[in-house]
C-alpha atoms as a PDB file:
ATOM      1  CA  UNK A   1     110.785  95.522 113.522  1.00  0.00           C
ATOM      2  CA  UNK A   2     112.273  99.002 113.725  1.00  0.00           C
ATOM      3  CA  UNK A   3     109.810 101.696 114.782  1.00  0.00           C
ATOM      4  CA  UNK A   4     109.675 105.465 114.313  1.00  0.00           C
ATOM      5  CA  UNK A   5     107.507 108.448 115.202  1.00  0.00           C
ATOM      6  CA  UNK A   6     105.126 109.276 112.363  1.00  0.00           C
ATOM      7  CA  UNK A   7     105.793 112.975 112.074  1.00  0.00           C
ATOM      8  CA  UNK A   8     103.426 115.360 113.792  1.00  0.00           C
ATOM      9  CA  UNK A   9     100.909 112.582 114.510  1.00  0.00           C
ATOM     10  CA  UNK A  10     103.112 111.615 117.463  1.00  0.00           C
ATOM     11  CA  UNK A  11     102.261 107.969 116.820  1.00  0.00           C
ATOM     12  CA  UNK A  12     104.857 105.219 116.843  1.00  0.00           C
ATOM     13  CA  UNK A  13     104.670 103.055 113.724  1.00  0.00           C
ATOM     14  CA  UNK A  14     106.641 100.247 112.131  1.00  0.00           C
ATOM     15  CA  UNK A  15     109.374 101.084 109.643  1.00  0.00           C
ATOM     16  CA  UNK A  16     107.596  98.814 107.163  1.00  0.00           C
ATOM     17  CA  UNK A  17     103.857  99.320 106.879  1.00  0.00           C
ATOM     18  CA  UNK A  18     101.326  97.747 104.540  1.00  0.00           C
ATOM     19  CA  UNK A  19      99.872  99.450 101.498  1.00  0.00           C
ATOM     20  CA  UNK A  20      96.394  98.102 100.789  1.00  0.00           C
ATOM     21  CA  UNK A  21      95.539  99.420  97.336  1.00  0.00           C
ATOM     22  CA  UNK A  22      95.788  95.860  96.090  1.00  0.00           C
ATOM     23  CA  UNK A  23      93.112  94.698  98.555  1.00  0.00           C
ATOM     24  CA  UNK A  24      90.650  97.005  96.824  1.00  0.00           C
ATOM     25  CA  UNK A  25      91.381  97.002  93.103  1.00  0.00           C
ATOM     26  CA  UNK A  26      93.790  97.645  90.233  1.00  0.00           C
ATOM     27  CA  UNK A  27      96.335  94.883  90.943  1.00  0.00           C
ATOM     28  CA  UNK A  28      94.394  91.871  89.758  1.00  0.00           C
ATOM     29  CA  UNK A  29      92.002  89.968  91.993  1.00  0.00           C
ATOM     30  CA  UNK A  30      92.599  89.378  95.712  1.00  0.00           C
ATOM     31  CA  UNK A  31      89.757  87.440  97.325  1.00  0.00           C
ATOM     32  CA  UNK A  32      88.333  88.057 100.798  1.00  0.00           C
ATOM     33  CA  UNK A  33      90.165  85.180 102.482  1.00  0.00           C
ATOM     34  CA  UNK A  34      93.507  86.171 100.995  1.00  0.00           C
ATOM     35  CA  UNK A  35      92.972  89.792 102.031  1.00  0.00           C
ATOM     36  CA  UNK A  36      92.331  88.799 105.630  1.00  0.00           C
ATOM     37  CA  UNK A  37      95.328  86.466 105.666  1.00  0.00           C
ATOM     38  CA  UNK A  38      97.565  89.267 104.363  1.00  0.00           C
ATOM     39  CA  UNK A  39      96.444  91.619 107.143  1.00  0.00           C
ATOM     40  CA  UNK A  40      96.948  88.900 109.768  1.00  0.00           C
ATOM     41  CA  UNK A  41     100.414  88.041 108.487  1.00  0.00           C
ATOM     42  CA  UNK A  42     101.526  91.661 108.301  1.00  0.00           C
ATOM     43  CA  UNK A  43     100.498  92.341 111.894  1.00  0.00           C
ATOM     44  CA  UNK A  44     102.030  89.123 113.226  1.00  0.00           C
ATOM     45  CA  UNK A  45     105.252  90.192 111.465  1.00  0.00           C
ATOM     46  CA  UNK A  46     105.360  93.521 113.309  1.00  0.00           C
ATOM     47  CA  UNK A  47     103.498  95.872 110.958  1.00  0.00           C
ATOM     48  CA  UNK A  48     101.570  98.581 112.812  1.00  0.00           C
ATOM     49  CA  UNK A  49     100.544 100.891 109.956  1.00  0.00           C
ATOM     50  CA  UNK A  50      97.998 100.227 107.225  1.00  0.00           C
ATOM     51  CA  UNK A  51      97.667 102.690 104.349  1.00  0.00           C
ATOM     52  CA  UNK A  52      94.409 102.765 102.408  1.00  0.00           C
ATOM     53  CA  UNK A  53      92.065 105.154 100.590  1.00  0.00           C
ATOM     54  CA  UNK A  54      88.348 105.676 100.179  1.00  0.00           C
ATOM     55  CA  UNK A  55      88.573 104.887  96.459  1.00  0.00           C
ATOM     56  CA  UNK A  56      90.474 101.598  96.692  1.00  0.00           C
ATOM     57  CA  UNK A  57      87.783  99.293  95.408  1.00  0.00           C
ATOM     58  CA  UNK A  58      85.223 102.017  96.183  1.00  0.00           C
ATOM     59  CA  UNK A  59      85.761 101.413  99.907  1.00  0.00           C
ATOM     60  CA  UNK A  60      86.501  97.674  99.763  1.00  0.00           C
ATOM     61  CA  UNK A  61      89.992  98.126 101.183  1.00  0.00           C
ATOM     62  CA  UNK A  62      88.759 100.311 104.050  1.00  0.00           C
ATOM     63  CA  UNK A  63      86.034  97.803 104.879  1.00  0.00           C
ATOM     64  CA  UNK A  64      88.511  94.915 105.032  1.00  0.00           C
ATOM     65  CA  UNK A  65      90.601  96.917 107.457  1.00  0.00           C
ATOM     66  CA  UNK A  66      87.574  97.970 109.484  1.00  0.00           C
ATOM     67  CA  UNK A  67      86.525  94.344 109.892  1.00  0.00           C
ATOM     68  CA  UNK A  68      90.036  93.419 110.963  1.00  0.00           C
ATOM     69  CA  UNK A  69      90.164  96.217 113.560  1.00  0.00           C
ATOM     70  CA  UNK A  70      86.780  95.181 114.974  1.00  0.00           C
ATOM     71  CA  UNK A  71      87.956  91.599 115.397  1.00  0.00           C
ATOM     72  CA  UNK A  72      91.254  92.620 117.016  1.00  0.00           C
ATOM     73  CA  UNK A  73      90.601  95.074 119.863  1.00  0.00           C
ATOM     74  CA  UNK A  74      93.740  96.577 121.342  1.00  0.00           C
ATOM     75  CA  UNK A  75      95.467  96.108 117.989  1.00  0.00           C
ATOM     76  CA  UNK A  76      97.737  99.172 118.200  1.00  0.00           C
ATOM     77  CA  UNK A  77      97.449  99.739 114.464  1.00  0.00           C
ATOM     78  CA  UNK A  78      97.520 103.196 112.878  1.00  0.00           C
ATOM     79  CA  UNK A  79      95.344 103.503 109.787  1.00  0.00           C
ATOM     80  CA  UNK A  80      96.224 106.156 107.247  1.00  0.00           C
ATOM     81  CA  UNK A  81      93.458 106.672 104.721  1.00  0.00           C
ATOM     82  CA  UNK A  82      93.035 109.193 101.911  1.00  0.00           C
ATOM     83  CA  UNK A  83      90.320 111.351 100.436  1.00  0.00           C
ATOM     84  CA  UNK A  84      89.776 113.626  97.483  1.00  0.00           C
ATOM     85  CA  UNK A  85      89.378 111.388  94.463  1.00  0.00           C
ATOM     86  CA  UNK A  86      85.692 110.627  94.736  1.00  0.00           C
ATOM     87  CA  UNK A  87      84.878 113.656  92.598  1.00  0.00           C
ATOM     88  CA  UNK A  88      86.262 115.554  89.633  1.00  0.00           C
ATOM     89  CA  UNK A  89      89.798 116.808  90.236  1.00  0.00           C
ATOM     90  CA  UNK A  90      88.718 120.443  90.438  1.00  0.00           C
ATOM     91  CA  UNK A  91      90.212 122.557  93.265  1.00  0.00           C
ATOM     92  CA  UNK A  92      86.704 123.954  93.863  1.00  0.00           C
ATOM     93  CA  UNK A  93      85.630 120.528  95.164  1.00  0.00           C
ATOM     94  CA  UNK A  94      88.114 120.589  98.051  1.00  0.00           C
ATOM     95  CA  UNK A  95      85.800 122.164 100.622  1.00  0.00           C
ATOM     96  CA  UNK A  96      84.880 121.516 104.240  1.00  0.00           C
ATOM     97  CA  UNK A  97      81.485 120.157 103.187  1.00  0.00           C
ATOM     98  CA  UNK A  98      83.052 117.607 100.839  1.00  0.00           C
ATOM     99  CA  UNK A  99      85.710 116.733 103.406  1.00  0.00           C
ATOM    100  CA  UNK A 100      82.979 116.000 105.954  1.00  0.00           C
ATOM    101  CA  UNK A 101      81.164 113.799 103.443  1.00  0.00           C
ATOM    102  CA  UNK A 102      84.283 111.856 102.521  1.00  0.00           C
ATOM    103  CA  UNK A 103      85.578 111.409 106.068  1.00  0.00           C
ATOM    104  CA  UNK A 104      82.145 110.366 107.340  1.00  0.00           C
ATOM    105  CA  UNK A 105      82.137 107.610 104.719  1.00  0.00           C
ATOM    106  CA  UNK A 106      85.622 106.463 105.731  1.00  0.00           C
ATOM    107  CA  UNK A 107      84.712 106.505 109.418  1.00  0.00           C
ATOM    108  CA  UNK A 108      81.777 104.231 108.619  1.00  0.00           C
ATOM    109  CA  UNK A 109      83.882 101.906 106.469  1.00  0.00           C
ATOM    110  CA  UNK A 110      86.597 101.650 109.121  1.00  0.00           C
ATOM    111  CA  UNK A 111      84.169 101.495 112.052  1.00  0.00           C
ATOM    112  CA  UNK A 112      85.807 104.322 114.001  1.00  0.00           C
ATOM    113  CA  UNK A 113      84.679 107.658 115.408  1.00  0.00           C
ATOM    114  CA  UNK A 114      87.974 109.422 114.689  1.00  0.00           C
ATOM    115  CA  UNK A 115      90.243 108.645 111.760  1.00  0.00           C
ATOM    116  CA  UNK A 116      93.907 108.310 112.750  1.00  0.00           C
ATOM    117  CA  UNK A 117      95.307 110.082 109.697  1.00  0.00           C
ATOM    118  CA  UNK A 118      93.623 111.425 106.570  1.00  0.00           C
ATOM    119  CA  UNK A 119      95.720 112.361 103.554  1.00  0.00           C
ATOM    120  CA  UNK A 120      94.638 114.453 100.597  1.00  0.00           C
ATOM    121  CA  UNK A 121      94.912 111.959  97.754  1.00  0.00           C
ATOM    122  CA  UNK A 122      97.187 113.550  95.135  1.00  0.00           C
ATOM    123  CA  UNK A 123      94.861 116.501  94.510  1.00  0.00           C
ATOM    124  CA  UNK A 124      95.396 119.198  91.850  1.00  0.00           C
ATOM    125  CA  UNK A 125      98.561 121.196  92.492  1.00  0.00           C
ATOM    126  CA  UNK A 126      96.630 124.378  93.323  1.00  0.00           C
ATOM    127  CA  UNK A 127      95.077 122.669  96.362  1.00  0.00           C
ATOM    128  CA  UNK A 128      98.438 122.548  98.158  1.00  0.00           C
ATOM    129  CA  UNK A 129      98.615 126.358  98.320  1.00  0.00           C
ATOM    130  CA  UNK A 130      94.969 127.085  99.200  1.00  0.00           C
ATOM    131  CA  UNK A 131      94.522 128.438 102.725  1.00  0.00           C
ATOM    132  CA  UNK A 132      90.871 127.382 102.913  1.00  0.00           C
ATOM    133  CA  UNK A 133      91.853 123.738 102.385  1.00  0.00           C
ATOM    134  CA  UNK A 134      94.084 123.709 105.445  1.00  0.00           C
ATOM    135  CA  UNK A 135      91.491 125.655 107.448  1.00  0.00           C
ATOM    136  CA  UNK A 136      88.947 122.949 106.606  1.00  0.00           C
ATOM    137  CA  UNK A 137      91.335 120.185 107.629  1.00  0.00           C
ATOM    138  CA  UNK A 138      92.055 121.987 110.897  1.00  0.00           C
ATOM    139  CA  UNK A 139      88.316 122.140 111.522  1.00  0.00           C
ATOM    140  CA  UNK A 140      88.010 118.367 111.116  1.00  0.00           C
ATOM    141  CA  UNK A 141      90.756 117.923 113.714  1.00  0.00           C
ATOM    142  CA  UNK A 142      89.015 120.328 116.086  1.00  0.00           C
ATOM    143  CA  UNK A 143      85.773 118.388 115.606  1.00  0.00           C
ATOM    144  CA  UNK A 144      87.503 115.039 116.346  1.00  0.00           C
ATOM    145  CA  UNK A 145      86.538 113.625 112.955  1.00  0.00           C
ATOM    146  CA  UNK A 146      90.246 113.126 112.271  1.00  0.00           C
ATOM    147  CA  UNK A 147      93.210 113.016 114.618  1.00  0.00           C
ATOM    148  CA  UNK A 148      95.723 114.336 112.077  1.00  0.00           C
ATOM    149  CA  UNK A 149      96.064 115.125 108.402  1.00  0.00           C
ATOM    150  CA  UNK A 150      98.673 114.835 105.716  1.00  0.00           C
ATOM    151  CA  UNK A 151      99.023 114.810 101.965  1.00  0.00           C
ATOM    152  CA  UNK A 152      99.885 112.338  99.259  1.00  0.00           C
ATOM    153  CA  UNK A 153     101.742 114.035  96.431  1.00  0.00           C
ATOM    154  CA  UNK A 154     102.998 113.418  92.931  1.00  0.00           C
ATOM    155  CA  UNK A 155     105.823 115.975  92.898  1.00  0.00           C
ATOM    156  CA  UNK A 156     108.560 117.259  95.152  1.00  0.00           C
ATOM    157  CA  UNK A 157     107.260 120.832  94.809  1.00  0.00           C
ATOM    158  CA  UNK A 158     103.827 119.754  96.083  1.00  0.00           C
ATOM    159  CA  UNK A 159     105.505 118.078  99.049  1.00  0.00           C
ATOM    160  CA  UNK A 160     107.487 121.197  99.912  1.00  0.00           C
ATOM    161  CA  UNK A 161     104.341 123.356  99.754  1.00  0.00           C
ATOM    162  CA  UNK A 162     102.569 121.033 102.205  1.00  0.00           C
ATOM    163  CA  UNK A 163     105.551 120.742 104.553  1.00  0.00           C
ATOM    164  CA  UNK A 164     105.501 124.527 104.960  1.00  0.00           C
ATOM    165  CA  UNK A 165     102.003 124.350 106.515  1.00  0.00           C
ATOM    166  CA  UNK A 166     102.051 124.001 110.318  1.00  0.00           C
ATOM    167  CA  UNK A 167      99.215 121.487 110.471  1.00  0.00           C
ATOM    168  CA  UNK A 168     100.638 118.987 107.990  1.00  0.00           C
ATOM    169  CA  UNK A 169     101.575 115.849 109.915  1.00  0.00           C
ATOM    170  CA  UNK A 170     102.812 113.661 107.063  1.00  0.00           C
ATOM    171  CA  UNK A 171     103.726 113.645 103.393  1.00  0.00           C
ATOM    172  CA  UNK A 172     103.352 110.517 101.306  1.00  0.00           C
ATOM    173  CA  UNK A 173     105.568 110.447  98.232  1.00  0.00           C
ATOM    174  CA  UNK A 174     106.923 107.961  95.695  1.00  0.00           C
ATOM    175  CA  UNK A 175     110.412 107.053  96.814  1.00  0.00           C
ATOM    176  CA  UNK A 176     112.467 104.100  95.658  1.00  0.00           C
ATOM    177  CA  UNK A 177     115.770 103.252  93.997  1.00  0.00           C
ATOM    178  CA  UNK A 178     114.323 104.462  90.670  1.00  0.00           C
ATOM    179  CA  UNK A 179     112.845 107.716  92.048  1.00  0.00           C
ATOM    180  CA  UNK A 180     115.448 109.638  94.038  1.00  0.00           C
ATOM    181  CA  UNK A 181     114.419 113.284  93.687  1.00  0.00           C
ATOM    182  CA  UNK A 182     112.850 113.419  97.198  1.00  0.00           C
ATOM    183  CA  UNK A 183     116.349 112.998  98.630  1.00  0.00           C
ATOM    184  CA  UNK A 184     117.353 116.430  97.306  1.00  0.00           C
ATOM    185  CA  UNK A 185     115.001 118.695  99.269  1.00  0.00           C
ATOM    186  CA  UNK A 186     111.898 116.882 100.494  1.00  0.00           C
ATOM    187  CA  UNK A 187     113.465 114.587 103.093  1.00  0.00           C
ATOM    188  CA  UNK A 188     115.647 117.331 104.633  1.00  0.00           C
ATOM    189  CA  UNK A 189     112.729 119.787 104.745  1.00  0.00           C
ATOM    190  CA  UNK A 190     110.389 117.234 106.307  1.00  0.00           C
ATOM    191  CA  UNK A 191     112.938 116.271 108.940  1.00  0.00           C
ATOM    192  CA  UNK A 192     113.572 119.915 109.849  1.00  0.00           C
ATOM    193  CA  UNK A 193     109.824 120.560 110.181  1.00  0.00           C
ATOM    194  CA  UNK A 194     109.024 117.356 112.068  1.00  0.00           C
ATOM    195  CA  UNK A 195     106.823 116.090 109.232  1.00  0.00           C
ATOM    196  CA  UNK A 196     106.640 112.345 108.681  1.00  0.00           C
ATOM    197  CA  UNK A 197     107.532 110.813 105.327  1.00  0.00           C
ATOM    198  CA  UNK A 198     105.503 107.837 104.104  1.00  0.00           C
ATOM    199  CA  UNK A 199     107.354 106.261 101.172  1.00  0.00           C
ATOM    200  CA  UNK A 200     105.033 104.671  98.641  1.00  0.00           C
ATOM    201  CA  UNK A 201     105.658 102.561  95.519  1.00  0.00           C
ATOM    202  CA  UNK A 202     108.928 101.432  97.146  1.00  0.00           C
ATOM    203  CA  UNK A 203     109.325  98.506  94.747  1.00  0.00           C
ATOM    204  CA  UNK A 204     108.463 100.506  91.610  1.00  0.00           C
ATOM    205  CA  UNK A 205     105.275  98.474  91.120  1.00  0.00           C
ATOM    206  CA  UNK A 206     107.236  95.247  91.472  1.00  0.00           C
ATOM    207  CA  UNK A 207     110.157  96.062  89.174  1.00  0.00           C
ATOM    208  CA  UNK A 208     112.498  96.114  92.162  1.00  0.00           C
ATOM    209  CA  UNK A 209     111.606  92.564  93.040  1.00  0.00           C
ATOM    210  CA  UNK A 210     113.996  91.668  90.231  1.00  0.00           C
ATOM    211  CA  UNK A 211     111.543  89.010  89.029  1.00  0.00           C
ATOM    212  CA  UNK A 212     110.208  90.660  85.866  1.00  0.00           C
ATOM    213  CA  UNK A 213     111.479  90.230  82.332  1.00  0.00           C
ATOM    214  CA  UNK A 214     110.596  92.180  79.226  1.00  0.00           C
ATOM    215  CA  UNK A 215     108.124  89.373  78.462  1.00  0.00           C
ATOM    216  CA  UNK A 216     106.228  89.666  81.765  1.00  0.00           C
ATOM    217  CA  UNK A 217     102.511  90.396  81.340  1.00  0.00           C
ATOM    218  CA  UNK A 218      99.859  91.589  83.773  1.00  0.00           C
ATOM    219  CA  UNK A 219      96.119  91.039  84.200  1.00  0.00           C
ATOM    220  CA  UNK A 220      93.726  93.204  82.215  1.00  0.00           C
ATOM    221  CA  UNK A 221      92.468  94.859  85.424  1.00  0.00           C
ATOM    222  CA  UNK A 222      96.015  95.516  86.727  1.00  0.00           C
ATOM    223  CA  UNK A 223      97.176  99.126  86.408  1.00  0.00           C
ATOM    224  CA  UNK A 224     100.592  97.844  85.315  1.00  0.00           C
ATOM    225  CA  UNK A 225      98.776  96.838  82.138  1.00  0.00           C
ATOM    226  CA  UNK A 226      96.214  99.575  81.527  1.00  0.00           C
ATOM    227  CA  UNK A 227      98.012 102.659  82.905  1.00  0.00           C
ATOM    228  CA  UNK A 228     101.417 102.459  81.261  1.00  0.00           C
ATOM    229  CA  UNK A 229     100.564 105.546  79.218  1.00  0.00           C
ATOM    230  CA  UNK A 230      99.052 107.435  82.170  1.00  0.00           C
ATOM    231  CA  UNK A 231      95.544 107.365  80.720  1.00  0.00           C
ATOM    232  CA  UNK A 232      93.909 106.425  84.043  1.00  0.00           C
ATOM    233  CA  UNK A 233      96.027 108.443  86.527  1.00  0.00           C
ATOM    234  CA  UNK A 234      99.513 109.899  86.845  1.00  0.00           C
ATOM    235  CA  UNK A 235     101.857 107.550  85.031  1.00  0.00           C
ATOM    236  CA  UNK A 236     104.365 108.046  87.831  1.00  0.00           C
ATOM    237  CA  UNK A 237     102.265 105.651  89.921  1.00  0.00           C
ATOM    238  CA  UNK A 238     102.894 102.797  87.463  1.00  0.00           C
ATOM    239  CA  UNK A 239     106.468 101.473  87.514  1.00  0.00           C
ATOM    240  CA  UNK A 240     107.368 104.877  89.018  1.00  0.00           C
ATOM    241  CA  UNK A 241     106.954 106.338  85.543  1.00  0.00           C
ATOM    242  CA  UNK A 242     110.050 104.626  84.143  1.00  0.00           C
ATOM    243  CA  UNK A 243     110.166 102.835  80.809  1.00  0.00           C
ATOM    244  CA  UNK A 244     109.401  99.174  81.517  1.00  0.00           C
ATOM    245  CA  UNK A 245     112.233  97.668  79.500  1.00  0.00           C
ATOM    246  CA  UNK A 246     114.797 100.051  81.009  1.00  0.00           C
ATOM    247  CA  UNK A 247     113.321  99.295  84.409  1.00  0.00           C
ATOM    248  CA  UNK A 248     113.821  95.568  83.907  1.00  0.00           C
ATOM    249  CA  UNK A 249     117.448  96.111  82.903  1.00  0.00           C
ATOM    250  CA  UNK A 250     118.117  98.410  85.879  1.00  0.00           C
ATOM    251  CA  UNK A 251     116.380  95.978  88.230  1.00  0.00           C
ATOM    252  CA  UNK A 252     118.708  93.216  87.087  1.00  0.00           C
ATOM    253  CA  UNK A 253     121.661  95.390  88.080  1.00  0.00           C
ATOM    254  CA  UNK A 254     119.999  96.187  91.396  1.00  0.00           C
ATOM    255  CA  UNK A 255     119.458  92.458  91.995  1.00  0.00           C
ATOM    256  CA  UNK A 256     123.171  91.808  91.540  1.00  0.00           C
ATOM    257  CA  UNK A 257     123.900  94.595  94.013  1.00  0.00           C
ATOM    258  CA  UNK A 258     121.381  93.199  96.516  1.00  0.00           C
ATOM    259  CA  UNK A 259     122.882  89.714  96.280  1.00  0.00           C
ATOM    260  CA  UNK A 260     125.732  90.799  98.523  1.00  0.00           C
ATOM    261  CA  UNK A 261     123.481  91.920 101.370  1.00  0.00           C
ATOM    262  CA  UNK A 262     122.018  88.615 102.525  1.00  0.00           C
ATOM    263  CA  UNK A 263     118.563  89.983 101.686  1.00  0.00           C
ATOM    264  CA  UNK A 264     116.262  89.209  98.791  1.00  0.00           C
ATOM    265  CA  UNK A 265     116.176  91.818  96.037  1.00  0.00           C
ATOM    266  CA  UNK A 266     112.849  93.241  97.204  1.00  0.00           C
ATOM    267  CA  UNK A 267     113.942  93.254 100.851  1.00  0.00           C
ATOM    268  CA  UNK A 268     117.105  95.160  99.965  1.00  0.00           C
ATOM    269  CA  UNK A 269     115.033  97.701  98.035  1.00  0.00           C
ATOM    270  CA  UNK A 270     112.659  98.166 100.979  1.00  0.00           C
ATOM    271  CA  UNK A 271     115.383  98.259 103.609  1.00  0.00           C
ATOM    272  CA  UNK A 272     117.324 100.869 101.665  1.00  0.00           C
ATOM    273  CA  UNK A 273     114.336 103.235 101.546  1.00  0.00           C
ATOM    274  CA  UNK A 274     113.399 102.565 105.174  1.00  0.00           C
ATOM    275  CA  UNK A 275     116.928 103.410 106.304  1.00  0.00           C
ATOM    276  CA  UNK A 276     117.043 106.793 104.558  1.00  0.00           C
ATOM    277  CA  UNK A 277     117.320 109.656 107.031  1.00  0.00           C
ATOM    278  CA  UNK A 278     113.904 111.271 107.378  1.00  0.00           C
ATOM    279  CA  UNK A 279     111.737 108.339 106.229  1.00  0.00           C
ATOM    280  CA  UNK A 280     109.098 107.371 108.799  1.00  0.00           C
ATOM    281  CA  UNK A 281     107.608 104.297 107.178  1.00  0.00           C
ATOM    282  CA  UNK A 282     107.543 102.446 103.869  1.00  0.00           C
ATOM    283  CA  UNK A 283     104.290 100.986 102.536  1.00  0.00           C
ATOM    284  CA  UNK A 284     104.777  98.110 100.087  1.00  0.00           C
ATOM    285  CA  UNK A 285     101.682  96.233  99.059  1.00  0.00           C
ATOM    286  CA  UNK A 286     101.335  92.474  99.262  1.00  0.00           C
ATOM    287  CA  UNK A 287      99.172  90.064  97.304  1.00  0.00           C
ATOM    288  CA  UNK A 288     100.120  86.977  99.323  1.00  0.00           C
ATOM    289  CA  UNK A 289     101.080  86.082 102.870  1.00  0.00           C
ATOM    290  CA  UNK A 290     104.577  85.240 101.650  1.00  0.00           C
ATOM    291  CA  UNK A 291     105.020  88.752 100.270  1.00  0.00           C
ATOM    292  CA  UNK A 292     103.642  90.307 103.453  1.00  0.00           C
ATOM    293  CA  UNK A 293     106.043  88.306 105.620  1.00  0.00           C
ATOM    294  CA  UNK A 294     109.041  88.987 103.385  1.00  0.00           C
ATOM    295  CA  UNK A 295     108.320  92.709 103.182  1.00  0.00           C
ATOM    296  CA  UNK A 296     108.037  93.057 106.939  1.00  0.00           C
ATOM    297  CA  UNK A 297     111.379  91.328 107.448  1.00  0.00           C
ATOM    298  CA  UNK A 298     113.056  94.244 105.658  1.00  0.00           C
ATOM    299  CA  UNK A 299     112.261  96.342 108.729  1.00  0.00           C
ATOM    300  CA  UNK A 300     114.722  94.221 110.722  1.00  0.00           C
ATOM    301  CA  UNK A 301     117.599  94.421 108.236  1.00  0.00           C
ATOM    302  CA  UNK A 302     121.058  95.507 109.333  1.00  0.00           C
ATOM    303  CA  UNK A 303     122.157  98.928 108.052  1.00  0.00           C
ATOM    304  CA  UNK A 304     123.180  98.917 104.407  1.00  0.00           C
ATOM    305  CA  UNK A 305     126.554 100.402 103.525  1.00  0.00           C
ATOM    306  CA  UNK A 306     127.446 103.769 102.064  1.00  0.00           C
ATOM    307  CA  UNK A 307     128.803 101.810  99.121  1.00  0.00           C
ATOM    308  CA  UNK A 308     125.375 100.271  98.545  1.00  0.00           C
ATOM    309  CA  UNK A 309     123.816 103.736  98.478  1.00  0.00           C
ATOM    310  CA  UNK A 310     126.465 105.013  96.087  1.00  0.00           C
ATOM    311  CA  UNK A 311     125.740 102.105  93.740  1.00  0.00           C
ATOM    312  CA  UNK A 312     121.981 102.752  93.895  1.00  0.00           C
ATOM    313  CA  UNK A 313     122.553 106.373  92.911  1.00  0.00           C
ATOM    314  CA  UNK A 314     124.866 105.365  90.072  1.00  0.00           C
ATOM    315  CA  UNK A 315     122.207 103.046  88.624  1.00  0.00           C
ATOM    316  CA  UNK A 316     119.628 105.822  88.916  1.00  0.00           C
ATOM    317  CA  UNK A 317     121.875 108.381  87.255  1.00  0.00           C
ATOM    318  CA  UNK A 318     122.652 106.074  84.358  1.00  0.00           C
ATOM    319  CA  UNK A 319     119.154 104.765  83.669  1.00  0.00           C
ATOM    320  CA  UNK A 320     116.600 107.271  84.906  1.00  0.00           C
ATOM    321  CA  UNK A 321     117.768 110.690  86.092  1.00  0.00           C
ATOM    322  CA  UNK A 322     117.413 112.458  82.751  1.00  0.00           C
ATOM    323  CA  UNK A 323     113.835 111.250  82.182  1.00  0.00           C
ATOM    324  CA  UNK A 324     112.511 111.103  85.747  1.00  0.00           C
ATOM    325  CA  UNK A 325     114.202 113.765  87.855  1.00  0.00           C
ATOM    326  CA  UNK A 326     112.784 116.871  86.113  1.00  0.00           C
ATOM    327  CA  UNK A 327     109.245 115.476  85.895  1.00  0.00           C
ATOM    328  CA  UNK A 328     108.296 114.683  89.470  1.00  0.00           C
END
């Protein structure tokens, strides 16, 4: 597994991490045994970063990870959690007092005194330019409640605002073959500032597995069913905000492109993002041990060609640029 430095945290992490939203909620049911097996398989495959949040299953995801850490001393795993969505999305709620409350809960769930990395969880845009927010985060670092902080963003402009702050260690952003805007300014700015990039939704909620058809359905409690119109949270989090039918058609083209790499379609999609200059780690989720093992293998892939990248951009331009690029 390739490894990189995770921005200003100074930590070395695997090029492919593990997103654990699905171990909490919103992706259909994952039982306790399956969740533990997924964590075990990811780590045995070289994964050294888990990404979670305090609202994934109301703490269920954090607790799974905390139990795993307790049972595996000397694990060498970096845990990136998130905070900020346990209350109304009002900038007035992003205060030191609330940050203490939220991080104390995460520390308890994870069973640690100091959180490795805490990310603001896609807060209102105004939060990214509020001095008091960063002062509060700096205070948590000074108090050893957190070792480092970052942000999770919806838009490139939010990412650039956070990168400009000297204490920001990482930026988490949606980045995949169907969402290329971060390549324009965000990745170069982060690299220049020494800020780590955590690429989320790298498979466009599964579209880039190449396995879906226009007839594919999802469980009632899966966000790919109930959030297609953005009624629950930013629609960009579901299929990267692209029209499902167009996404299926584009994914079929991507699958034909990936067939020449010796990788599976999903592995090619993950490897391509992981190999972008400036990306620190990529955090696909996994709902089975097979997915966890396959995802991790993408971190060992040989470099993809310039021709592959050119073809990815051509697919994006033809299917998605007009609708997606101006929005996020």
